Protein backbone atom coordinates (compact mmCIF):
# COMPACT_ATOMS: atom_id res chain seq x y z
CA MET A 1 28.04 32.29 -16.56
CA LYS A 2 30.93 30.80 -15.84
CA THR A 3 30.78 27.10 -14.06
CA ILE A 4 33.99 25.79 -11.78
CA MET A 5 33.82 22.50 -10.06
CA ILE A 6 34.88 22.53 -6.51
CA LEU A 7 36.38 18.90 -4.99
CA GLY A 8 35.35 18.89 -1.17
CA ALA A 9 33.05 20.81 1.04
CA GLY A 10 35.23 20.79 4.20
CA VAL A 11 36.45 23.83 6.11
CA TYR A 12 39.37 24.37 3.72
CA GLN A 13 37.08 24.32 0.66
CA VAL A 14 34.60 26.72 2.19
CA PRO A 15 36.37 29.94 1.32
CA LEU A 16 37.09 28.63 -2.27
CA ILE A 17 33.13 28.40 -2.38
CA LYS A 18 32.10 31.60 -1.22
CA LYS A 19 34.91 33.33 -2.99
CA ALA A 20 33.61 31.78 -6.30
CA GLU A 21 30.11 32.81 -5.40
CA GLU A 22 31.13 36.37 -4.86
CA MET A 23 33.06 36.64 -8.37
CA GLY A 24 29.51 35.34 -9.87
CA ILE A 25 30.49 32.04 -10.96
CA ARG A 26 28.32 28.83 -10.79
CA THR A 27 29.90 26.61 -8.47
CA ILE A 28 29.33 22.77 -8.47
CA VAL A 29 30.74 20.74 -5.42
CA VAL A 30 31.16 17.26 -5.31
CA SER A 31 31.86 15.48 -1.91
CA ILE A 32 30.73 12.56 0.32
CA PRO A 33 27.79 12.92 2.23
CA GLY A 34 28.33 14.11 5.66
CA ASN A 35 28.40 17.17 8.03
CA TYR A 36 30.29 19.33 5.71
CA PRO A 37 30.05 23.22 5.65
CA GLY A 38 30.70 23.88 2.09
CA PHE A 39 27.35 22.44 1.14
CA LYS A 40 25.01 25.23 1.99
CA PHE A 41 27.16 27.59 -0.26
CA ALA A 42 27.04 25.76 -3.53
CA ASP A 43 25.03 26.33 -5.99
CA LYS A 44 24.72 22.61 -6.66
CA VAL A 45 25.90 19.45 -5.16
CA TYR A 46 26.96 15.94 -6.15
CA TYR A 47 27.14 13.72 -3.35
CA GLU A 48 29.96 11.28 -4.58
CA ASN A 49 33.45 10.40 -3.66
CA THR A 50 35.82 12.59 -4.66
CA VAL A 51 38.68 9.89 -5.58
CA ASP A 52 36.13 8.40 -8.23
CA TYR A 53 37.63 10.08 -11.06
CA GLU A 54 35.27 8.62 -13.89
CA THR A 55 32.35 9.65 -11.80
CA VAL A 56 33.68 13.21 -11.33
CA LEU A 57 34.49 13.26 -15.01
CA GLN A 58 31.00 12.34 -16.05
CA ILE A 59 29.37 14.84 -13.88
CA ALA A 60 31.94 17.60 -15.29
CA LYS A 61 30.88 16.79 -18.58
CA LYS A 62 27.30 16.62 -17.88
CA GLU A 63 27.80 20.23 -15.99
CA ASN A 64 29.83 21.82 -18.60
CA VAL A 65 32.48 23.21 -16.22
CA ASN A 66 35.04 25.70 -17.24
CA GLY A 67 37.46 24.46 -14.66
CA ILE A 68 38.33 22.24 -11.58
CA VAL A 69 40.00 22.85 -8.43
CA THR A 70 40.55 22.14 -4.98
CA THR A 71 42.31 23.68 -1.70
CA GLY A 72 43.78 22.36 1.33
CA THR A 73 43.71 18.93 0.67
CA ASP A 74 45.50 16.06 -1.26
CA VAL A 75 42.72 13.22 -1.10
CA ALA A 76 41.01 15.10 -4.42
CA ILE A 77 44.29 15.91 -6.43
CA ILE A 78 44.34 13.08 -8.53
CA THR A 79 40.65 13.56 -9.94
CA VAL A 80 41.41 17.08 -10.63
CA GLY A 81 44.38 16.24 -12.61
CA TYR A 82 42.25 13.75 -14.49
CA VAL A 83 39.63 15.89 -15.34
CA CYS A 84 42.04 18.56 -16.21
CA ASP A 85 43.73 16.02 -18.96
CA LYS A 86 40.22 14.53 -20.21
CA LEU A 87 38.68 18.08 -20.79
CA GLY A 88 41.49 20.21 -21.67
CA LEU A 89 41.25 22.53 -18.48
CA SER A 90 44.02 24.61 -17.01
CA GLY A 91 45.43 23.02 -13.78
CA ILE A 92 47.36 20.07 -12.48
CA SER A 93 48.00 17.17 -14.85
CA MET A 94 47.20 13.64 -13.79
CA LYS A 95 50.94 12.53 -14.08
CA ALA A 96 51.97 15.59 -11.81
CA ALA A 97 49.28 14.81 -9.52
CA GLN A 98 50.21 11.25 -8.95
CA ILE A 99 53.72 12.36 -8.18
CA ALA A 100 51.94 15.16 -5.78
CA THR A 101 50.28 12.55 -3.82
CA ASN A 102 52.79 9.57 -3.49
CA LYS A 103 55.93 10.65 -1.32
CA TYR A 104 57.85 7.68 -3.06
CA LYS A 105 57.32 8.57 -6.50
CA MET A 106 58.30 12.30 -5.56
CA LYS A 107 61.23 11.14 -3.91
CA LEU A 108 62.60 9.24 -7.36
CA ALA A 109 61.73 12.21 -9.19
CA TYR A 110 63.94 14.39 -7.21
CA GLU A 111 66.58 12.16 -7.17
CA LYS A 112 66.47 12.37 -10.94
CA TYR A 113 66.76 15.99 -11.05
CA GLY A 114 68.99 16.74 -8.66
CA VAL A 115 66.54 18.41 -5.79
CA THR A 116 68.14 18.43 -2.61
CA THR A 117 66.52 15.89 -0.36
CA ALA A 118 67.19 13.33 2.75
CA ARG A 119 68.25 10.10 1.79
CA PHE A 120 65.73 7.59 1.71
CA ARG A 121 64.82 3.62 1.12
CA GLN A 122 61.63 1.90 -0.01
CA SER A 123 60.31 -0.66 2.05
CA GLY A 124 57.56 -3.21 2.85
CA PHE A 125 56.01 -3.79 6.05
CA ASP A 126 57.56 -7.00 7.00
CA THR A 127 59.79 -5.94 10.03
CA ARG A 128 62.83 -8.23 8.62
CA GLU A 129 63.11 -6.32 6.00
CA VAL A 130 62.79 -3.17 7.22
CA LYS A 131 65.62 -4.01 9.86
CA LYS A 132 67.87 -4.71 7.18
CA LEU A 133 66.98 -1.62 5.10
CA VAL A 134 67.53 0.85 8.18
CA THR A 135 71.44 -0.46 8.08
CA GLU A 136 72.05 1.50 5.02
CA LEU A 137 70.81 4.80 6.65
CA ASN A 138 71.93 7.10 9.92
CA TYR A 139 69.42 7.44 12.94
CA PRO A 140 67.26 9.37 13.50
CA LEU A 141 64.61 8.05 11.15
CA ILE A 142 61.59 9.00 9.78
CA PHE A 143 58.95 6.19 8.59
CA LYS A 144 56.50 7.52 6.07
CA ALA A 145 53.50 6.56 4.61
CA VAL A 146 53.43 7.61 1.35
CA ASP A 147 49.96 8.19 0.30
CA THR A 148 48.57 10.29 3.19
CA SER A 149 48.58 14.35 4.06
CA GLY A 150 48.01 16.00 7.63
CA SER A 151 50.90 14.06 9.27
CA ARG A 152 49.31 10.83 9.55
CA GLY A 153 51.40 7.90 9.21
CA ILE A 154 54.61 9.75 9.75
CA VAL A 155 56.97 8.48 12.57
CA LYS A 156 60.16 9.79 14.20
CA VAL A 157 62.18 6.84 14.84
CA PRO A 158 65.12 7.63 17.02
CA ASP A 159 66.68 4.28 17.56
CA LYS A 160 66.14 0.44 16.49
CA ASN A 161 63.74 -0.19 19.63
CA ASN A 162 61.17 1.93 17.83
CA ILE A 163 60.92 0.06 14.69
CA ASP A 164 58.20 -2.33 15.36
CA ALA A 165 55.93 0.37 16.73
CA ALA A 166 56.64 2.76 13.98
CA VAL A 167 56.03 0.02 11.30
CA LYS A 168 52.33 -0.76 13.03
CA ILE A 169 51.35 3.11 12.86
CA VAL A 170 52.54 3.63 9.55
CA LYS A 171 50.69 0.09 8.28
CA GLN A 172 47.44 1.38 9.86
CA ALA A 173 47.44 4.92 8.03
CA THR A 174 48.12 3.74 4.60
CA LYS A 175 46.42 1.65 2.36
CA LEU A 176 49.55 0.74 -0.08
CA ASP A 177 51.84 -2.32 1.14
CA TYR A 178 55.05 -0.04 1.38
CA PHE A 179 56.28 3.09 2.76
CA ILE A 180 59.56 5.00 2.64
CA ILE A 181 61.99 5.26 5.37
CA GLU A 182 64.00 8.86 5.23
CA GLU A 183 67.14 9.76 7.14
CA PHE A 184 66.10 12.44 9.66
CA ILE A 185 67.72 15.79 9.12
CA GLU A 186 68.48 17.89 11.95
CA GLY A 187 67.72 21.48 11.00
CA VAL A 188 65.08 24.17 10.98
CA GLU A 189 61.88 23.47 9.30
CA PHE A 190 60.07 26.20 7.35
CA GLY A 191 57.05 26.28 4.61
CA ALA A 192 56.38 28.14 1.58
CA GLN A 193 53.53 29.00 -0.63
CA SER A 194 53.60 29.57 -4.10
CA PHE A 195 52.29 29.17 -7.64
CA ILE A 196 53.37 28.17 -10.78
CA GLN A 197 52.01 29.06 -13.70
CA ASN A 198 52.84 28.52 -17.47
CA GLY A 199 56.03 26.87 -16.25
CA LYS A 200 57.17 29.46 -13.99
CA ILE A 201 57.13 30.11 -10.33
CA GLN A 202 55.51 33.41 -9.61
CA PHE A 203 55.92 33.77 -6.05
CA ILE A 204 57.81 32.50 -3.26
CA LEU A 205 56.48 33.12 0.50
CA PRO A 206 58.64 31.45 3.07
CA HIS A 207 56.72 30.93 6.59
CA GLY A 208 57.46 30.07 9.76
CA ASP A 209 55.16 27.22 11.27
CA TYR A 210 53.69 26.65 14.72
CA VAL A 211 54.24 22.78 15.31
CA TYR A 212 52.40 20.51 17.70
CA THR A 213 54.62 17.55 18.26
CA GLU A 214 53.28 14.24 19.42
CA ASN A 215 54.86 11.07 17.06
CA THR A 216 56.06 13.68 15.00
CA GLY A 217 55.56 17.03 14.14
CA VAL A 218 52.16 18.46 12.89
CA PRO A 219 51.79 22.15 11.58
CA VAL A 220 48.83 24.08 13.67
CA GLY A 221 49.68 27.36 12.49
CA HIS A 222 51.89 29.69 10.41
CA PHE A 223 53.35 33.15 10.33
CA ALA A 224 55.21 35.60 7.77
CA PRO A 225 57.92 36.93 6.87
CA TYR A 226 60.25 34.36 7.64
CA ASP A 227 63.74 35.67 8.52
CA LEU A 228 66.25 33.80 5.81
CA SER A 229 69.44 34.95 5.11
CA GLU A 230 69.93 36.01 1.12
CA GLU A 231 71.61 32.79 0.59
CA ALA A 232 68.60 30.27 2.22
CA ILE A 233 66.40 32.38 0.23
CA LYS A 234 68.22 31.96 -3.43
CA ASP A 235 68.49 28.23 -2.45
CA THR A 236 65.29 27.85 -2.00
CA GLU A 237 63.98 29.16 -5.19
CA VAL A 238 66.57 26.99 -6.70
CA GLN A 239 65.32 23.88 -5.08
CA LEU A 240 61.45 24.71 -5.43
CA GLN A 241 61.79 25.30 -9.22
CA ARG A 242 63.93 22.18 -9.78
CA ALA A 243 61.13 20.26 -7.64
CA ALA A 244 58.47 21.69 -9.78
CA GLU A 245 60.21 20.65 -12.70
CA ALA A 246 60.81 17.41 -11.44
CA MET A 247 57.47 16.93 -10.62
CA GLU A 248 55.90 18.31 -13.65
CA LEU A 249 53.68 20.90 -11.86
CA ASP A 250 51.95 23.77 -13.82
CA ASN A 251 49.12 26.09 -13.38
CA CYS A 252 48.50 25.20 -9.73
CA ALA A 253 49.11 26.35 -6.36
CA ILE A 254 52.14 24.80 -4.54
CA ASN A 255 52.29 23.74 -0.88
CA ALA A 256 56.26 23.11 0.17
CA ASP A 257 58.04 21.92 3.28
CA PHE A 258 61.85 22.65 3.64
CA ILE A 259 64.63 21.89 6.15
CA LEU A 260 67.31 24.27 6.58
CA SER A 261 70.31 22.39 7.83
CA ASN A 262 73.87 23.49 8.14
CA GLY A 263 73.38 26.54 5.49
CA LYS A 264 71.74 23.77 3.04
CA VAL A 265 67.59 23.86 2.13
CA TYR A 266 66.71 20.42 1.65
CA VAL A 267 63.20 19.57 0.18
CA LEU A 268 61.02 17.68 2.23
CA GLU A 269 58.09 17.45 0.17
CA VAL A 270 55.93 19.52 -2.51
CA GLY A 271 52.32 19.40 -3.13
CA GLY A 272 50.03 20.46 -6.24
CA ARG A 273 47.70 22.67 -3.98
CA CYS A 274 47.41 25.54 -1.88
CA GLY A 275 47.95 24.77 1.99
CA ALA A 276 45.85 24.35 4.51
CA THR A 277 45.78 25.59 8.06
CA CYS A 278 45.16 29.28 6.87
CA LEU A 279 48.07 29.11 4.38
CA ALA A 280 45.74 31.04 1.84
CA GLU A 281 44.67 33.72 4.16
CA LEU A 282 48.12 34.11 5.08
CA VAL A 283 49.09 34.84 1.45
CA SER A 284 46.21 36.96 0.91
CA ILE A 285 46.82 38.86 3.85
CA TYR A 286 50.69 39.36 3.27
CA TYR A 287 50.45 40.54 -0.45
CA GLY A 288 47.18 42.14 -0.15
CA TYR A 289 45.08 40.07 -2.70
CA ASP A 290 42.40 37.68 -2.69
CA TYR A 291 44.56 34.60 -3.20
CA TYR A 292 41.14 32.35 -3.55
CA GLU A 293 40.56 34.62 -6.49
CA LYS A 294 43.70 33.85 -8.21
CA ILE A 295 43.57 30.43 -8.10
CA ILE A 296 39.78 30.09 -9.27
CA ASN A 297 40.74 32.40 -12.67
CA VAL A 298 43.79 30.26 -13.14
CA ALA A 299 41.42 27.11 -12.75
CA LEU A 300 39.29 28.83 -15.57
CA GLY A 301 42.30 29.47 -18.12
CA ALA A 302 43.18 33.33 -16.96
CA ASN A 303 46.63 34.48 -16.69
CA GLU A 304 47.22 35.80 -13.35
CA ASN A 305 49.35 38.51 -11.94
CA PHE A 306 51.19 37.38 -8.40
CA VAL A 307 53.05 40.47 -8.19
CA SER A 308 52.76 42.72 -5.20
CA ASP A 309 54.74 45.24 -3.32
CA GLN A 310 52.80 44.64 -0.08
CA LYS A 311 54.20 42.76 2.63
CA ASN A 312 51.99 42.63 5.50
CA PRO A 313 52.74 40.26 8.46
CA ASN A 314 50.38 38.14 9.92
CA ALA A 315 50.09 34.98 12.11
CA SER A 316 47.40 31.88 12.57
CA HIS A 317 46.87 29.27 14.75
CA LEU A 318 44.52 26.13 15.19
CA ILE A 319 42.16 26.03 17.88
CA MET A 320 42.60 22.74 19.73
CA SER A 321 41.15 20.37 22.31
CA GLU A 322 43.51 18.85 24.61
CA LYS A 323 40.72 15.94 25.12
CA SER A 324 37.81 14.35 23.35
CA GLY A 325 34.38 14.82 24.36
CA LYS A 326 31.46 17.28 24.04
CA ILE A 327 31.78 21.00 23.90
CA ILE A 328 29.71 22.34 26.85
CA SER A 329 30.81 26.02 25.89
CA GLN A 330 32.92 28.25 23.67
CA ASN A 331 33.61 32.03 23.32
CA TYR A 332 36.12 34.50 22.47
CA THR A 333 36.32 37.49 24.67
CA GLY A 334 39.03 39.74 22.67
CA ASN A 335 38.64 43.04 21.04
CA ASP A 336 41.76 43.64 19.43
CA VAL A 337 41.52 45.20 15.61
CA ASN A 338 44.44 43.47 14.62
CA VAL A 339 42.44 39.96 15.06
CA ILE A 340 41.09 39.39 11.92
CA ASP A 341 39.33 36.37 12.10
CA VAL A 342 38.23 33.88 14.90
CA GLN A 343 36.36 30.92 13.71
CA PHE A 344 34.86 28.04 15.44
CA ASP A 345 34.49 24.92 13.48
CA TYR A 346 31.84 23.09 15.94
CA CYS A 347 29.07 24.20 17.72
CA VAL A 348 27.97 23.76 21.73
CA GLY A 349 26.76 20.22 22.05
CA ASP A 350 29.12 18.88 19.34
CA ASP A 351 31.65 16.10 19.63
CA ILE A 352 34.93 16.61 19.12
CA ARG A 353 38.47 14.68 18.88
CA ARG A 354 41.46 15.35 21.33
CA PHE A 355 43.96 16.82 18.82
CA SER A 356 46.49 14.49 17.16
CA VAL A 357 46.17 15.47 13.62
CA GLY A 358 44.97 18.39 11.40
CA PRO A 359 41.81 17.19 10.87
CA ASP A 360 41.23 17.22 14.57
CA ARG A 361 41.18 21.17 14.48
CA ILE A 362 38.09 23.04 16.21
CA GLY A 363 38.75 26.01 14.91
CA HIS A 364 41.46 28.82 13.85
CA ILE A 365 42.70 32.43 14.83
CA ILE A 366 44.07 34.77 12.56
CA THR A 367 45.71 37.85 13.43
CA LYS A 368 48.07 41.06 11.76
CA GLY A 369 50.23 43.50 12.89
CA LYS A 370 52.51 46.38 11.23
CA ASN A 371 55.55 43.94 12.08
CA LEU A 372 55.85 40.41 12.72
CA GLU A 373 56.16 40.58 16.56
CA GLU A 374 52.83 42.94 16.78
CA ALA A 375 51.48 40.12 14.86
CA THR A 376 52.57 37.28 16.89
CA GLN A 377 52.09 38.88 20.33
CA THR A 378 48.05 39.61 18.98
CA LEU A 379 47.90 36.04 18.20
CA ASP A 380 49.45 35.06 21.84
CA ASN A 381 46.82 36.93 23.64
CA ALA A 382 43.98 36.09 21.14
CA MET A 383 44.68 32.36 22.04
CA SER A 384 44.33 33.26 25.52
CA ASN A 385 40.76 34.88 25.29
CA ILE A 386 39.64 31.57 23.97
CA LYS A 387 37.43 29.67 26.37
CA ILE A 388 36.45 26.30 25.60
CA GLU A 389 34.72 24.07 27.90
CA VAL A 390 34.94 20.26 26.94
CA GLU A 391 33.61 17.14 28.82
């Protein structure tokens, strides 16, 4: 029996753990202690911090793992790369993982390889330095923590009057002593899921994003297909291949964000793992195969075929709360056959947070349709049939 190590036991790792179990693969799950749903599905659990790559490596050696992987989070990616390097496993390298989890290193790599991306500057948190650097760029700007995910520590800055407040937000979100200032590109933002295997991009699935806007846009759902011109699709393919080469990504899923502006595709950032917010499910439904299974197989050293003639429209959205408090009641009253999944992450009596960033989700809904219009209409109807009372 093969053994796979999965880093993380949260809501986005559960499908990965359960799929490995279905495939007859022994699962070793590593996560800090907590009320994480993945623990109960694992064959064996180690309550360790997934960023402690030396400890995780020793566990991997002890358990003689055949592969290591995660999904939906950047937190453990460097550890995945470190263990892959040390044990000669299939997956992202540590160098690539370090680039993929640091937006400053990523932007430097993009500049070197000619990837189309927004102009930027690196800055410390001294506001005098910040105010000097912003004069070299054009408003509006985006201030970004370079070591976070889930839209944390990312703030849009429309003018100089917002600099101090934005610096404070970014500083609270990062563990580093610097961040990046980036020109905000006016245009249409879209995402894409992809996979690179043996140095070659296997597929690119552009998707539209439902975005919750507060300090900055937070993706709260997705849909596919996404309407792009042939020229934009070709530009996306070129930019993603360049970005993957610049970052030295290989044998891993890719989660990418782009902006289409004046007919030109700009790369925002690229992650070396599958996206969260039901994006693995989006790929699976669209192409008609189990994406989690393919991710696991590649991590175990297999060559996978990602080509599919199917194109099944689908849509998803997070379930969120407008206020913090205790769940008094929750239910879904719909019965549409095109509703694939309604998942509540919490039970009645649990405390939840008002939605601000991705981890504040309290569930999700996934739908399909014979066309995108039907899938999105079904999603809208399903959302209206979710009833949650919080006090």
